[in-house]
Amino acid sequence: MRKILLFAFAFLYINLHAKQKEFLINGNVLGPQVFTTVSAYDNEFQLITTSKIIDGKFSINGVYNQNQRFGELAIVTIVMLKTDNSVSSIRFSKKLDNQVTVILGEPIELTYNSSNKRFTMSSGELNNIQQKFQDVFLEYRCERDSLFGEIEKLDIKDGAKIDQKIISEKSLFSKAINKTIPIVLEYSKSQVSLFNFSPIIYEETIPGKIVKEIFDRFSAELKDSEYGQHVLKDVDDKISQEEILGNPSFIVGMVMPFFELPDSNKNLIKSTSSYGKYTLIDFWASWCTPCRNETPNLIKAYTTFNKSGFKIITVSLDEIKD
């Protein structure tokens, strides 16, 4: 019995470590040295490690798990910081110019030019394709910043400027997402294209049926993969939601139907006892990056309007509760 247990523990140890692999990213910072630190975050946006930028150079290394949830590509998000204090987790956004996502599994040389805020990757085939997606959002950020500068010059109230910026940014970001479609189609056999496909699914201006047509252009191997099936579920969900919205069971002005769900402590919460004067029901999941990116906005909205009767009910779609 003892030999069996020892063998089982040994097998588990070897199996776990076989899934882990080391990575090394060497980098340079060109232009004005506005950053002092580089941090690396994993697929779940949790801190892996941090390194100092010294004389415009940095080297950052760590360990990552090759087997990611849903079969996703193993990545690290590199964040340039002006402070030595790294946070344990981040909110990743393609709208920020101090972040870049690189694909692990091949040698990586990373260069950041602070003058034009561009990351350049010298690596293998995967990151060469990833660079094409990154450059689309670099172009978006340049257009956005230029437009924001023009809006600031307008002789209008600050509130009107903010409104114009929000509308303009949404339009530019939508255009950027649409610009990634030709890249996805050109590299339809690459895991990198499938990895960058989710924003296309979530883009409101792209109908679900069009999204499905794009997905169908991926190779059979990618579509049948674990991650491909995970992505397909999101595509099907979008199509289903659009069909529901096209023939709604509920319309504006109707009373919200009653429901009850267990909270994180397994206490049964009834909807009627949780409503405020205004109630936002937010559906989210830990694996849904856009959902997680909205969390700071929800907190801000709740803090600002709670005294006026605003409440938020968050409903997790996670199958495994932790």
C-alpha atoms as a PDB file:
ATOM      1  CA  MET A   1       0.000   0.000   0.000  1.00  0.00           C
ATOM      2  CA  ARG A   2       2.836   2.352   0.919  1.00  0.00           C
ATOM      3  CA  LYS A   3       4.550   1.690  -2.425  1.00  0.00           C
ATOM      4  CA  ILE A   4       1.325   2.466  -4.262  1.00  0.00           C
ATOM      5  CA  LEU A   5       0.934   5.790  -2.426  1.00  0.00           C
ATOM      6  CA  LEU A   6       4.554   6.747  -3.093  1.00  0.00           C
ATOM      7  CA  PHE A   7       4.113   5.907  -6.765  1.00  0.00           C
ATOM      8  CA  ALA A   8       0.900   7.967  -6.934  1.00  0.00           C
ATOM      9  CA  PHE A   9       2.552  11.009  -5.331  1.00  0.00           C
ATOM     10  CA  ALA A  10       5.578  10.662  -7.605  1.00  0.00           C
ATOM     11  CA  PHE A  11       3.340  10.442 -10.680  1.00  0.00           C
ATOM     12  CA  LEU A  12       1.351  13.502  -9.562  1.00  0.00           C
ATOM     13  CA  TYR A  13       4.549  15.488  -8.914  1.00  0.00           C
ATOM     14  CA  ILE A  14       6.026  14.595 -12.308  1.00  0.00           C
ATOM     15  CA  ASN A  15       2.738  15.317 -14.084  1.00  0.00           C
ATOM     16  CA  LEU A  16       2.358  18.745 -12.483  1.00  0.00           C
ATOM     17  CA  HIS A  17       5.917  19.759 -13.241  1.00  0.00           C
ATOM     18  CA  ALA A  18       5.687  18.420 -16.788  1.00  0.00           C
ATOM     19  CA  LYS A  19       2.906  20.939 -17.395  1.00  0.00           C
ATOM     20  CA  GLN A  20       5.058  23.816 -16.148  1.00  0.00           C
ATOM     21  CA  LYS A  21       7.660  25.549 -18.234  1.00  0.00           C
ATOM     22  CA  GLU A  22      10.024  28.464 -17.774  1.00  0.00           C
ATOM     23  CA  PHE A  23       9.898  31.606 -19.906  1.00  0.00           C
ATOM     24  CA  LEU A  24      12.399  34.404 -20.450  1.00  0.00           C
ATOM     25  CA  ILE A  25      11.701  37.774 -22.045  1.00  0.00           C
ATOM     26  CA  ASN A  26      14.554  40.190 -22.699  1.00  0.00           C
ATOM     27  CA  GLY A  27      13.604  43.749 -23.491  1.00  0.00           C
ATOM     28  CA  ASN A  28      14.701  47.249 -24.371  1.00  0.00           C
ATOM     29  CA  VAL A  29      13.054  50.594 -23.754  1.00  0.00           C
ATOM     30  CA  LEU A  30      13.737  53.263 -26.370  1.00  0.00           C
ATOM     31  CA  GLY A  31      13.055  56.979 -26.058  1.00  0.00           C
ATOM     32  CA  PRO A  32      12.407  58.861 -22.802  1.00  0.00           C
ATOM     33  CA  GLN A  33      12.724  56.552 -19.785  1.00  0.00           C
ATOM     34  CA  VAL A  34       9.300  57.142 -18.231  1.00  0.00           C
ATOM     35  CA  PHE A  35       8.958  53.639 -16.747  1.00  0.00           C
ATOM     36  CA  THR A  36      11.028  52.020 -13.993  1.00  0.00           C
ATOM     37  CA  THR A  37       9.515  48.549 -13.652  1.00  0.00           C
ATOM     38  CA  VAL A  38       8.148  45.716 -15.791  1.00  0.00           C
ATOM     39  CA  SER A  39       5.606  43.200 -14.468  1.00  0.00           C
ATOM     40  CA  ALA A  40       4.362  39.973 -16.046  1.00  0.00           C
ATOM     41  CA  TYR A  41       0.812  38.652 -15.527  1.00  0.00           C
ATOM     42  CA  ASP A  42      -0.614  35.245 -16.470  1.00  0.00           C
ATOM     43  CA  ASN A  43      -3.792  34.214 -18.333  1.00  0.00           C
ATOM     44  CA  GLU A  44      -5.847  34.975 -15.225  1.00  0.00           C
ATOM     45  CA  PHE A  45      -4.204  38.437 -14.933  1.00  0.00           C
ATOM     46  CA  GLN A  46      -2.405  37.410 -11.737  1.00  0.00           C
ATOM     47  CA  LEU A  47       1.129  38.653 -11.075  1.00  0.00           C
ATOM     48  CA  ILE A  48       3.917  36.220 -11.995  1.00  0.00           C
ATOM     49  CA  THR A  49       7.005  38.348 -11.460  1.00  0.00           C
ATOM     50  CA  THR A  50       8.477  41.853 -11.631  1.00  0.00           C
ATOM     51  CA  SER A  51      11.776  43.219 -12.900  1.00  0.00           C
ATOM     52  CA  LYS A  52      13.567  46.589 -12.848  1.00  0.00           C
ATOM     53  CA  ILE A  53      14.335  48.582 -15.980  1.00  0.00           C
ATOM     54  CA  ILE A  54      18.027  49.482 -15.790  1.00  0.00           C
ATOM     55  CA  ASP A  55      19.683  51.663 -18.436  1.00  0.00           C
ATOM     56  CA  GLY A  56      16.812  51.008 -20.808  1.00  0.00           C
ATOM     57  CA  LYS A  57      17.009  47.223 -20.516  1.00  0.00           C
ATOM     58  CA  PHE A  58      15.113  44.546 -18.617  1.00  0.00           C
ATOM     59  CA  SER A  59      14.949  40.784 -18.340  1.00  0.00           C
ATOM     60  CA  ILE A  60      11.920  39.051 -16.906  1.00  0.00           C
ATOM     61  CA  ASN A  61      11.495  35.338 -16.308  1.00  0.00           C
ATOM     62  CA  GLY A  62       9.127  32.990 -14.539  1.00  0.00           C
ATOM     63  CA  VAL A  63       7.181  29.751 -14.743  1.00  0.00           C
ATOM     64  CA  TYR A  64       3.885  29.210 -16.528  1.00  0.00           C
ATOM     65  CA  ASN A  65       1.424  26.349 -16.911  1.00  0.00           C
ATOM     66  CA  GLN A  66       1.279  24.962 -20.454  1.00  0.00           C
ATOM     67  CA  ASN A  67      -2.241  23.571 -19.907  1.00  0.00           C
ATOM     68  CA  GLN A  68      -4.507  26.594 -19.595  1.00  0.00           C
ATOM     69  CA  ARG A  69      -8.205  26.621 -18.811  1.00  0.00           C
ATOM     70  CA  PHE A  70     -10.378  25.749 -21.834  1.00  0.00           C
ATOM     71  CA  GLY A  71      -7.205  24.926 -23.804  1.00  0.00           C
ATOM     72  CA  GLU A  72      -6.333  28.594 -24.253  1.00  0.00           C
ATOM     73  CA  LEU A  73      -2.862  29.624 -25.436  1.00  0.00           C
ATOM     74  CA  ALA A  74      -0.395  30.313 -22.623  1.00  0.00           C
ATOM     75  CA  ILE A  75       0.327  34.041 -22.539  1.00  0.00           C
ATOM     76  CA  VAL A  76       1.861  36.724 -20.390  1.00  0.00           C
ATOM     77  CA  THR A  77       0.726  40.321 -20.308  1.00  0.00           C
ATOM     78  CA  ILE A  78       3.681  42.652 -19.906  1.00  0.00           C
ATOM     79  CA  VAL A  79       2.917  45.908 -18.098  1.00  0.00           C
ATOM     80  CA  MET A  80       5.282  48.893 -17.958  1.00  0.00           C
ATOM     81  CA  LEU A  81       5.024  50.748 -14.645  1.00  0.00           C
ATOM     82  CA  LYS A  82       6.200  54.120 -13.361  1.00  0.00           C
ATOM     83  CA  THR A  83       6.360  52.798  -9.807  1.00  0.00           C
ATOM     84  CA  ASP A  84       8.248  49.976  -8.130  1.00  0.00           C
ATOM     85  CA  ASN A  85       5.021  48.721  -6.535  1.00  0.00           C
ATOM     86  CA  SER A  86       3.342  46.024  -8.638  1.00  0.00           C
ATOM     87  CA  VAL A  87      -0.260  45.040  -7.987  1.00  0.00           C
ATOM     88  CA  SER A  88      -1.247  41.392  -7.515  1.00  0.00           C
ATOM     89  CA  SER A  89      -3.730  41.486 -10.402  1.00  0.00           C
ATOM     90  CA  ILE A  90      -4.551  43.796 -13.286  1.00  0.00           C
ATOM     91  CA  ARG A  91      -7.407  44.887 -15.492  1.00  0.00           C
ATOM     92  CA  PHE A  92      -6.154  44.200 -18.993  1.00  0.00           C
ATOM     93  CA  SER A  93      -7.317  46.542 -21.727  1.00  0.00           C
ATOM     94  CA  LYS A  94      -6.318  47.004 -25.351  1.00  0.00           C
ATOM     95  CA  LYS A  95      -7.090  50.677 -24.751  1.00  0.00           C
ATOM     96  CA  LEU A  96      -3.976  51.113 -22.559  1.00  0.00           C
ATOM     97  CA  ASP A  97      -0.608  51.775 -24.181  1.00  0.00           C
ATOM     98  CA  ASN A  98       1.599  50.412 -21.372  1.00  0.00           C
ATOM     99  CA  GLN A  99       0.451  46.793 -21.819  1.00  0.00           C
ATOM    100  CA  VAL A 100       1.177  44.096 -24.372  1.00  0.00           C
ATOM    101  CA  THR A 101       0.247  40.407 -24.588  1.00  0.00           C
ATOM    102  CA  VAL A 102       2.844  37.926 -25.820  1.00  0.00           C
ATOM    103  CA  ILE A 103       2.429  34.239 -26.624  1.00  0.00           C
ATOM    104  CA  LEU A 104       4.657  31.916 -24.606  1.00  0.00           C
ATOM    105  CA  GLY A 105       6.519  28.894 -25.935  1.00  0.00           C
ATOM    106  CA  GLU A 106       9.084  30.620 -28.154  1.00  0.00           C
ATOM    107  CA  PRO A 107      12.078  32.964 -27.533  1.00  0.00           C
ATOM    108  CA  ILE A 108      10.961  36.570 -27.121  1.00  0.00           C
ATOM    109  CA  GLU A 109      12.809  39.877 -27.502  1.00  0.00           C
ATOM    110  CA  LEU A 110      10.555  42.817 -26.643  1.00  0.00           C
ATOM    111  CA  THR A 111      11.160  46.487 -27.447  1.00  0.00           C
ATOM    112  CA  TYR A 112       9.058  49.384 -26.192  1.00  0.00           C
ATOM    113  CA  ASN A 113       9.405  52.805 -27.807  1.00  0.00           C
ATOM    114  CA  SER A 114       8.060  55.416 -25.410  1.00  0.00           C
ATOM    115  CA  SER A 115       8.061  58.067 -28.158  1.00  0.00           C
ATOM    116  CA  ASN A 116       5.366  56.354 -30.227  1.00  0.00           C
ATOM    117  CA  LYS A 117       4.152  53.984 -27.474  1.00  0.00           C
ATOM    118  CA  ARG A 118       4.727  50.910 -29.635  1.00  0.00           C
ATOM    119  CA  PHE A 119       5.722  47.429 -28.524  1.00  0.00           C
ATOM    120  CA  THR A 120       7.711  45.386 -31.048  1.00  0.00           C
ATOM    121  CA  MET A 121       8.206  41.643 -30.656  1.00  0.00           C
ATOM    122  CA  SER A 122      11.137  39.769 -32.164  1.00  0.00           C
ATOM    123  CA  SER A 123      10.097  36.163 -31.797  1.00  0.00           C
ATOM    124  CA  GLY A 124       8.690  33.177 -33.666  1.00  0.00           C
ATOM    125  CA  GLU A 125       5.668  32.688 -35.915  1.00  0.00           C
ATOM    126  CA  LEU A 126       3.074  32.936 -33.131  1.00  0.00           C
ATOM    127  CA  ASN A 127       4.202  36.342 -31.905  1.00  0.00           C
ATOM    128  CA  ASN A 128       4.755  37.611 -35.447  1.00  0.00           C
ATOM    129  CA  ILE A 129       1.022  37.085 -35.968  1.00  0.00           C
ATOM    130  CA  GLN A 130       0.257  38.498 -32.521  1.00  0.00           C
ATOM    131  CA  GLN A 131       2.168  41.648 -33.515  1.00  0.00           C
ATOM    132  CA  LYS A 132      -0.321  42.249 -36.336  1.00  0.00           C
ATOM    133  CA  PHE A 133      -3.209  42.290 -33.854  1.00  0.00           C
ATOM    134  CA  GLN A 134      -1.253  44.539 -31.471  1.00  0.00           C
ATOM    135  CA  ASP A 135      -0.570  47.051 -34.252  1.00  0.00           C
ATOM    136  CA  VAL A 136      -4.285  47.402 -35.011  1.00  0.00           C
ATOM    137  CA  PHE A 137      -4.881  48.616 -31.471  1.00  0.00           C
ATOM    138  CA  LEU A 138      -1.790  50.841 -31.574  1.00  0.00           C
ATOM    139  CA  GLU A 139      -3.365  52.596 -34.558  1.00  0.00           C
ATOM    140  CA  TYR A 140      -6.640  52.847 -32.617  1.00  0.00           C
ATOM    141  CA  ARG A 141      -4.901  54.447 -29.606  1.00  0.00           C
ATOM    142  CA  CYS A 142      -3.079  56.968 -31.812  1.00  0.00           C
ATOM    143  CA  GLU A 143      -6.333  57.985 -33.531  1.00  0.00           C
ATOM    144  CA  ARG A 144      -8.121  58.191 -30.181  1.00  0.00           C
ATOM    145  CA  ASP A 145      -5.462  60.342 -28.511  1.00  0.00           C
ATOM    146  CA  SER A 146      -5.332  62.683 -31.501  1.00  0.00           C
ATOM    147  CA  LEU A 147      -9.117  63.033 -31.547  1.00  0.00           C
ATOM    148  CA  PHE A 148      -9.250  63.607 -27.792  1.00  0.00           C
ATOM    149  CA  GLY A 149      -6.752  66.444 -28.238  1.00  0.00           C
ATOM    150  CA  GLU A 150      -9.014  68.063 -30.834  1.00  0.00           C
ATOM    151  CA  ILE A 151     -12.071  67.676 -28.584  1.00  0.00           C
ATOM    152  CA  GLU A 152     -10.202  69.387 -25.733  1.00  0.00           C
ATOM    153  CA  LYS A 153      -9.751  72.460 -27.957  1.00  0.00           C
ATOM    154  CA  LEU A 154     -13.504  72.834 -28.496  1.00  0.00           C
ATOM    155  CA  ASP A 155     -15.250  75.716 -26.758  1.00  0.00           C
ATOM    156  CA  ILE A 156     -17.840  73.553 -25.025  1.00  0.00           C
ATOM    157  CA  LYS A 157     -18.573  72.483 -21.448  1.00  0.00           C
ATOM    158  CA  ASP A 158     -16.478  69.743 -19.852  1.00  0.00           C
ATOM    159  CA  GLY A 159     -19.486  67.429 -19.673  1.00  0.00           C
ATOM    160  CA  ALA A 160     -20.045  67.777 -23.410  1.00  0.00           C
ATOM    161  CA  LYS A 161     -16.371  67.032 -24.042  1.00  0.00           C
ATOM    162  CA  ILE A 162     -16.627  63.846 -22.003  1.00  0.00           C
ATOM    163  CA  ASP A 163     -19.727  62.776 -23.930  1.00  0.00           C
ATOM    164  CA  GLN A 164     -17.987  63.366 -27.259  1.00  0.00           C
ATOM    165  CA  LYS A 165     -14.946  61.395 -26.118  1.00  0.00           C
ATOM    166  CA  ILE A 166     -17.076  58.425 -25.041  1.00  0.00           C
ATOM    167  CA  ILE A 167     -18.950  58.341 -28.365  1.00  0.00           C
ATOM    168  CA  SER A 168     -15.766  58.797 -30.411  1.00  0.00           C
ATOM    169  CA  GLU A 169     -13.805  56.176 -28.491  1.00  0.00           C
ATOM    170  CA  LYS A 170     -16.569  53.596 -28.861  1.00  0.00           C
ATOM    171  CA  SER A 171     -16.713  54.198 -32.615  1.00  0.00           C
ATOM    172  CA  LEU A 172     -12.924  53.976 -33.034  1.00  0.00           C
ATOM    173  CA  PHE A 173     -12.688  50.818 -30.925  1.00  0.00           C
ATOM    174  CA  SER A 174     -15.464  49.191 -32.943  1.00  0.00           C
ATOM    175  CA  LYS A 175     -13.567  50.070 -36.122  1.00  0.00           C
ATOM    176  CA  ALA A 176     -10.401  48.507 -34.670  1.00  0.00           C
ATOM    177  CA  ILE A 177     -12.208  45.253 -33.848  1.00  0.00           C
ATOM    178  CA  ASN A 178     -13.521  45.105 -37.410  1.00  0.00           C
ATOM    179  CA  LYS A 179      -9.977  45.622 -38.717  1.00  0.00           C
ATOM    180  CA  THR A 180      -8.864  42.424 -36.977  1.00  0.00           C
ATOM    181  CA  ILE A 181     -11.257  40.306 -39.071  1.00  0.00           C
ATOM    182  CA  PRO A 182      -9.012  40.202 -42.186  1.00  0.00           C
ATOM    183  CA  ILE A 183      -6.093  39.122 -39.965  1.00  0.00           C
ATOM    184  CA  VAL A 184      -8.189  36.326 -38.471  1.00  0.00           C
ATOM    185  CA  LEU A 185      -9.185  35.150 -41.941  1.00  0.00           C
ATOM    186  CA  GLU A 186      -5.628  35.352 -43.297  1.00  0.00           C
ATOM    187  CA  TYR A 187      -4.288  33.237 -40.426  1.00  0.00           C
ATOM    188  CA  SER A 188      -7.300  30.970 -39.955  1.00  0.00           C
ATOM    189  CA  LYS A 189      -5.053  27.981 -39.204  1.00  0.00           C
ATOM    190  CA  SER A 190      -3.258  29.742 -36.346  1.00  0.00           C
ATOM    191  CA  GLN A 191      -4.132  29.449 -32.664  1.00  0.00           C
ATOM    192  CA  VAL A 192      -3.233  33.133 -32.352  1.00  0.00           C
ATOM    193  CA  SER A 193      -6.179  34.121 -34.541  1.00  0.00           C
ATOM    194  CA  LEU A 194      -8.531  31.982 -32.468  1.00  0.00           C
ATOM    195  CA  PHE A 195      -7.073  33.544 -29.305  1.00  0.00           C
ATOM    196  CA  ASN A 196      -7.833  37.044 -30.676  1.00  0.00           C
ATOM    197  CA  PHE A 197     -11.304  36.094 -31.913  1.00  0.00           C
ATOM    198  CA  SER A 198     -13.280  36.803 -28.717  1.00  0.00           C
ATOM    199  CA  PRO A 199     -13.421  40.622 -29.150  1.00  0.00           C
ATOM    200  CA  ILE A 200     -15.106  40.028 -32.517  1.00  0.00           C
ATOM    201  CA  ILE A 201     -17.777  37.952 -30.768  1.00  0.00           C
ATOM    202  CA  TYR A 202     -18.442  40.657 -28.192  1.00  0.00           C
ATOM    203  CA  GLU A 203     -18.485  43.533 -30.695  1.00  0.00           C
ATOM    204  CA  GLU A 204     -22.083  44.796 -30.850  1.00  0.00           C
ATOM    205  CA  THR A 205     -21.840  46.023 -34.449  1.00  0.00           C
ATOM    206  CA  ILE A 206     -21.013  42.548 -35.792  1.00  0.00           C
ATOM    207  CA  PRO A 207     -24.128  40.303 -36.019  1.00  0.00           C
ATOM    208  CA  GLY A 208     -23.916  36.815 -34.564  1.00  0.00           C
ATOM    209  CA  LYS A 209     -24.491  35.148 -37.942  1.00  0.00           C
ATOM    210  CA  ILE A 210     -21.497  37.027 -39.388  1.00  0.00           C
ATOM    211  CA  VAL A 211     -19.422  36.001 -36.372  1.00  0.00           C
ATOM    212  CA  LYS A 212     -20.402  32.366 -37.022  1.00  0.00           C
ATOM    213  CA  GLU A 213     -19.397  32.670 -40.686  1.00  0.00           C
ATOM    214  CA  ILE A 214     -15.970  33.949 -39.611  1.00  0.00           C
ATOM    215  CA  PHE A 215     -15.613  31.176 -37.041  1.00  0.00           C
ATOM    216  CA  ASP A 216     -16.450  28.576 -39.689  1.00  0.00           C
ATOM    217  CA  ARG A 217     -13.390  29.728 -41.660  1.00  0.00           C
ATOM    218  CA  PHE A 218     -11.044  28.406 -38.974  1.00  0.00           C
ATOM    219  CA  SER A 219      -9.368  25.091 -39.716  1.00  0.00           C
ATOM    220  CA  ALA A 220     -11.190  21.940 -38.634  1.00  0.00           C
ATOM    221  CA  GLU A 221      -8.408  21.240 -36.140  1.00  0.00           C
ATOM    222  CA  LEU A 222      -8.900  24.601 -34.411  1.00  0.00           C
ATOM    223  CA  LYS A 223     -12.700  24.390 -34.429  1.00  0.00           C
ATOM    224  CA  ASP A 224     -12.637  20.912 -32.895  1.00  0.00           C
ATOM    225  CA  SER A 225     -10.043  21.824 -30.252  1.00  0.00           C
ATOM    226  CA  GLU A 226     -11.008  22.374 -26.618  1.00  0.00           C
ATOM    227  CA  TYR A 227     -10.596  26.136 -26.960  1.00  0.00           C
ATOM    228  CA  GLY A 228     -12.387  26.139 -30.304  1.00  0.00           C
ATOM    229  CA  GLN A 229     -15.425  24.468 -28.731  1.00  0.00           C
ATOM    230  CA  HIS A 230     -15.299  26.954 -25.854  1.00  0.00           C
ATOM    231  CA  VAL A 231     -15.297  29.858 -28.315  1.00  0.00           C
ATOM    232  CA  LEU A 232     -18.092  28.265 -30.369  1.00  0.00           C
ATOM    233  CA  LYS A 233     -20.296  28.228 -27.273  1.00  0.00           C
ATOM    234  CA  ASP A 234     -19.868  32.011 -26.986  1.00  0.00           C
ATOM    235  CA  VAL A 235     -20.733  32.394 -30.675  1.00  0.00           C
ATOM    236  CA  ASP A 236     -23.883  30.293 -30.282  1.00  0.00           C
ATOM    237  CA  ASP A 237     -24.823  32.246 -27.144  1.00  0.00           C
ATOM    238  CA  LYS A 238     -24.565  35.516 -29.066  1.00  0.00           C
ATOM    239  CA  ILE A 239     -26.813  34.208 -31.835  1.00  0.00           C
ATOM    240  CA  SER A 240     -29.341  32.951 -29.268  1.00  0.00           C
ATOM    241  CA  GLN A 241     -29.344  36.289 -27.442  1.00  0.00           C
ATOM    242  CA  GLU A 242     -29.928  38.175 -30.679  1.00  0.00           C
ATOM    243  CA  GLU A 243     -32.866  35.902 -31.488  1.00  0.00           C
ATOM    244  CA  ILE A 244     -34.318  36.540 -28.030  1.00  0.00           C
ATOM    245  CA  LEU A 245     -33.861  40.300 -28.395  1.00  0.00           C
ATOM    246  CA  GLY A 246     -35.487  40.098 -31.820  1.00  0.00           C
ATOM    247  CA  ASN A 247     -38.547  38.483 -30.252  1.00  0.00           C
ATOM    248  CA  PRO A 248     -38.433  39.617 -26.601  1.00  0.00           C
ATOM    249  CA  SER A 249     -40.494  37.993 -23.875  1.00  0.00           C
ATOM    250  CA  PHE A 250     -40.066  41.157 -21.815  1.00  0.00           C
ATOM    251  CA  ILE A 251     -40.155  44.770 -22.919  1.00  0.00           C
ATOM    252  CA  VAL A 252     -39.424  48.118 -21.296  1.00  0.00           C
ATOM    253  CA  GLY A 253     -42.056  48.942 -18.698  1.00  0.00           C
ATOM    254  CA  MET A 254     -42.815  45.366 -17.658  1.00  0.00           C
ATOM    255  CA  VAL A 255     -42.269  44.255 -14.071  1.00  0.00           C
ATOM    256  CA  MET A 256     -39.112  42.188 -13.614  1.00  0.00           C
ATOM    257  CA  PRO A 257     -40.074  38.525 -13.064  1.00  0.00           C
ATOM    258  CA  PHE A 258     -39.411  37.013  -9.651  1.00  0.00           C
ATOM    259  CA  PHE A 259     -36.309  34.889  -9.153  1.00  0.00           C
ATOM    260  CA  GLU A 260     -34.234  33.540  -6.276  1.00  0.00           C
ATOM    261  CA  LEU A 261     -30.605  32.405  -6.251  1.00  0.00           C
ATOM    262  CA  PRO A 262     -28.057  31.359  -3.608  1.00  0.00           C
ATOM    263  CA  ASP A 263     -25.384  33.927  -2.714  1.00  0.00           C
ATOM    264  CA  SER A 264     -21.684  33.161  -2.106  1.00  0.00           C
ATOM    265  CA  ASN A 265     -22.567  31.910   1.390  1.00  0.00           C
ATOM    266  CA  LYS A 266     -25.341  29.664  -0.002  1.00  0.00           C
ATOM    267  CA  ASN A 267     -28.050  31.887   1.499  1.00  0.00           C
ATOM    268  CA  LEU A 268     -31.124  32.097  -0.725  1.00  0.00           C
ATOM    269  CA  ILE A 269     -31.593  35.636  -2.047  1.00  0.00           C
ATOM    270  CA  LYS A 270     -34.986  36.702  -3.380  1.00  0.00           C
ATOM    271  CA  SER A 271     -35.030  39.292  -6.141  1.00  0.00           C
ATOM    272  CA  THR A 272     -37.933  41.256  -4.693  1.00  0.00           C
ATOM    273  CA  SER A 273     -36.071  41.879  -1.433  1.00  0.00           C
ATOM    274  CA  SER A 274     -32.932  43.018  -3.261  1.00  0.00           C
ATOM    275  CA  TYR A 275     -34.371  45.652  -5.586  1.00  0.00           C
ATOM    276  CA  GLY A 276     -33.625  49.321  -5.102  1.00  0.00           C
ATOM    277  CA  LYS A 277     -35.207  52.311  -6.809  1.00  0.00           C
ATOM    278  CA  TYR A 278     -32.927  51.442  -9.726  1.00  0.00           C
ATOM    279  CA  THR A 279     -31.439  47.947  -9.993  1.00  0.00           C
ATOM    280  CA  LEU A 280     -28.810  46.691 -12.409  1.00  0.00           C
ATOM    281  CA  ILE A 281     -28.635  42.909 -12.862  1.00  0.00           C
ATOM    282  CA  ASP A 282     -25.140  42.015 -14.056  1.00  0.00           C
ATOM    283  CA  PHE A 283     -24.299  38.566 -15.426  1.00  0.00           C
ATOM    284  CA  TRP A 284     -20.597  37.712 -15.356  1.00  0.00           C
ATOM    285  CA  ALA A 285     -18.069  34.862 -15.130  1.00  0.00           C
ATOM    286  CA  SER A 286     -14.462  34.653 -13.958  1.00  0.00           C
ATOM    287  CA  TRP A 287     -13.392  33.470 -17.435  1.00  0.00           C
ATOM    288  CA  CYS A 288     -15.133  36.385 -19.183  1.00  0.00           C
ATOM    289  CA  THR A 289     -12.485  39.083 -19.680  1.00  0.00           C
ATOM    290  CA  PRO A 290     -14.916  41.844 -20.788  1.00  0.00           C
ATOM    291  CA  CYS A 291     -17.057  41.093 -17.714  1.00  0.00           C
ATOM    292  CA  ARG A 292     -14.063  41.405 -15.384  1.00  0.00           C
ATOM    293  CA  ASN A 293     -12.920  44.582 -17.105  1.00  0.00           C
ATOM    294  CA  GLU A 294     -16.292  46.167 -16.284  1.00  0.00           C
ATOM    295  CA  THR A 295     -15.952  45.525 -12.525  1.00  0.00           C
ATOM    296  CA  PRO A 296     -14.245  48.872 -11.732  1.00  0.00           C
ATOM    297  CA  ASN A 297     -17.018  50.702 -13.622  1.00  0.00           C
ATOM    298  CA  LEU A 298     -19.692  48.852 -11.631  1.00  0.00           C
ATOM    299  CA  ILE A 299     -17.975  49.734  -8.359  1.00  0.00           C
ATOM    300  CA  LYS A 300     -17.722  53.379  -9.410  1.00  0.00           C
ATOM    301  CA  ALA A 301     -21.394  53.503 -10.448  1.00  0.00           C
ATOM    302  CA  TYR A 302     -22.523  51.864  -7.203  1.00  0.00           C
ATOM    303  CA  THR A 303     -20.415  54.209  -5.057  1.00  0.00           C
ATOM    304  CA  THR A 304     -21.725  57.251  -6.922  1.00  0.00           C
ATOM    305  CA  PHE A 305     -25.441  56.432  -7.054  1.00  0.00           C
ATOM    306  CA  ASN A 306     -26.089  54.066  -4.133  1.00  0.00           C
ATOM    307  CA  LYS A 307     -27.466  56.855  -1.932  1.00  0.00           C
ATOM    308  CA  SER A 308     -30.029  57.604  -4.646  1.00  0.00           C
ATOM    309  CA  GLY A 309     -31.418  54.063  -4.448  1.00  0.00           C
ATOM    310  CA  PHE A 310     -29.191  52.367  -7.017  1.00  0.00           C
ATOM    311  CA  LYS A 311     -28.414  48.672  -6.425  1.00  0.00           C
ATOM    312  CA  ILE A 312     -26.511  46.003  -8.314  1.00  0.00           C
ATOM    313  CA  ILE A 313     -27.284  42.277  -8.320  1.00  0.00           C
ATOM    314  CA  THR A 314     -24.391  40.278  -9.782  1.00  0.00           C
ATOM    315  CA  VAL A 315     -25.107  36.782 -11.067  1.00  0.00           C
ATOM    316  CA  SER A 316     -22.134  34.463 -11.655  1.00  0.00           C
ATOM    317  CA  LEU A 317     -22.311  32.020 -14.559  1.00  0.00           C
ATOM    318  CA  ASP A 318     -19.326  30.009 -13.307  1.00  0.00           C
ATOM    319  CA  GLU A 319     -20.053  26.297 -13.192  1.00  0.00           C
ATOM    320  CA  ILE A 320     -17.478  25.831 -10.419  1.00  0.00           C
ATOM    321  CA  LYS A 321     -17.943  28.218  -7.510  1.00  0.00           C
ATOM    322  CA  ASP A 322     -14.776  29.179  -5.646  1.00  0.00           C
END
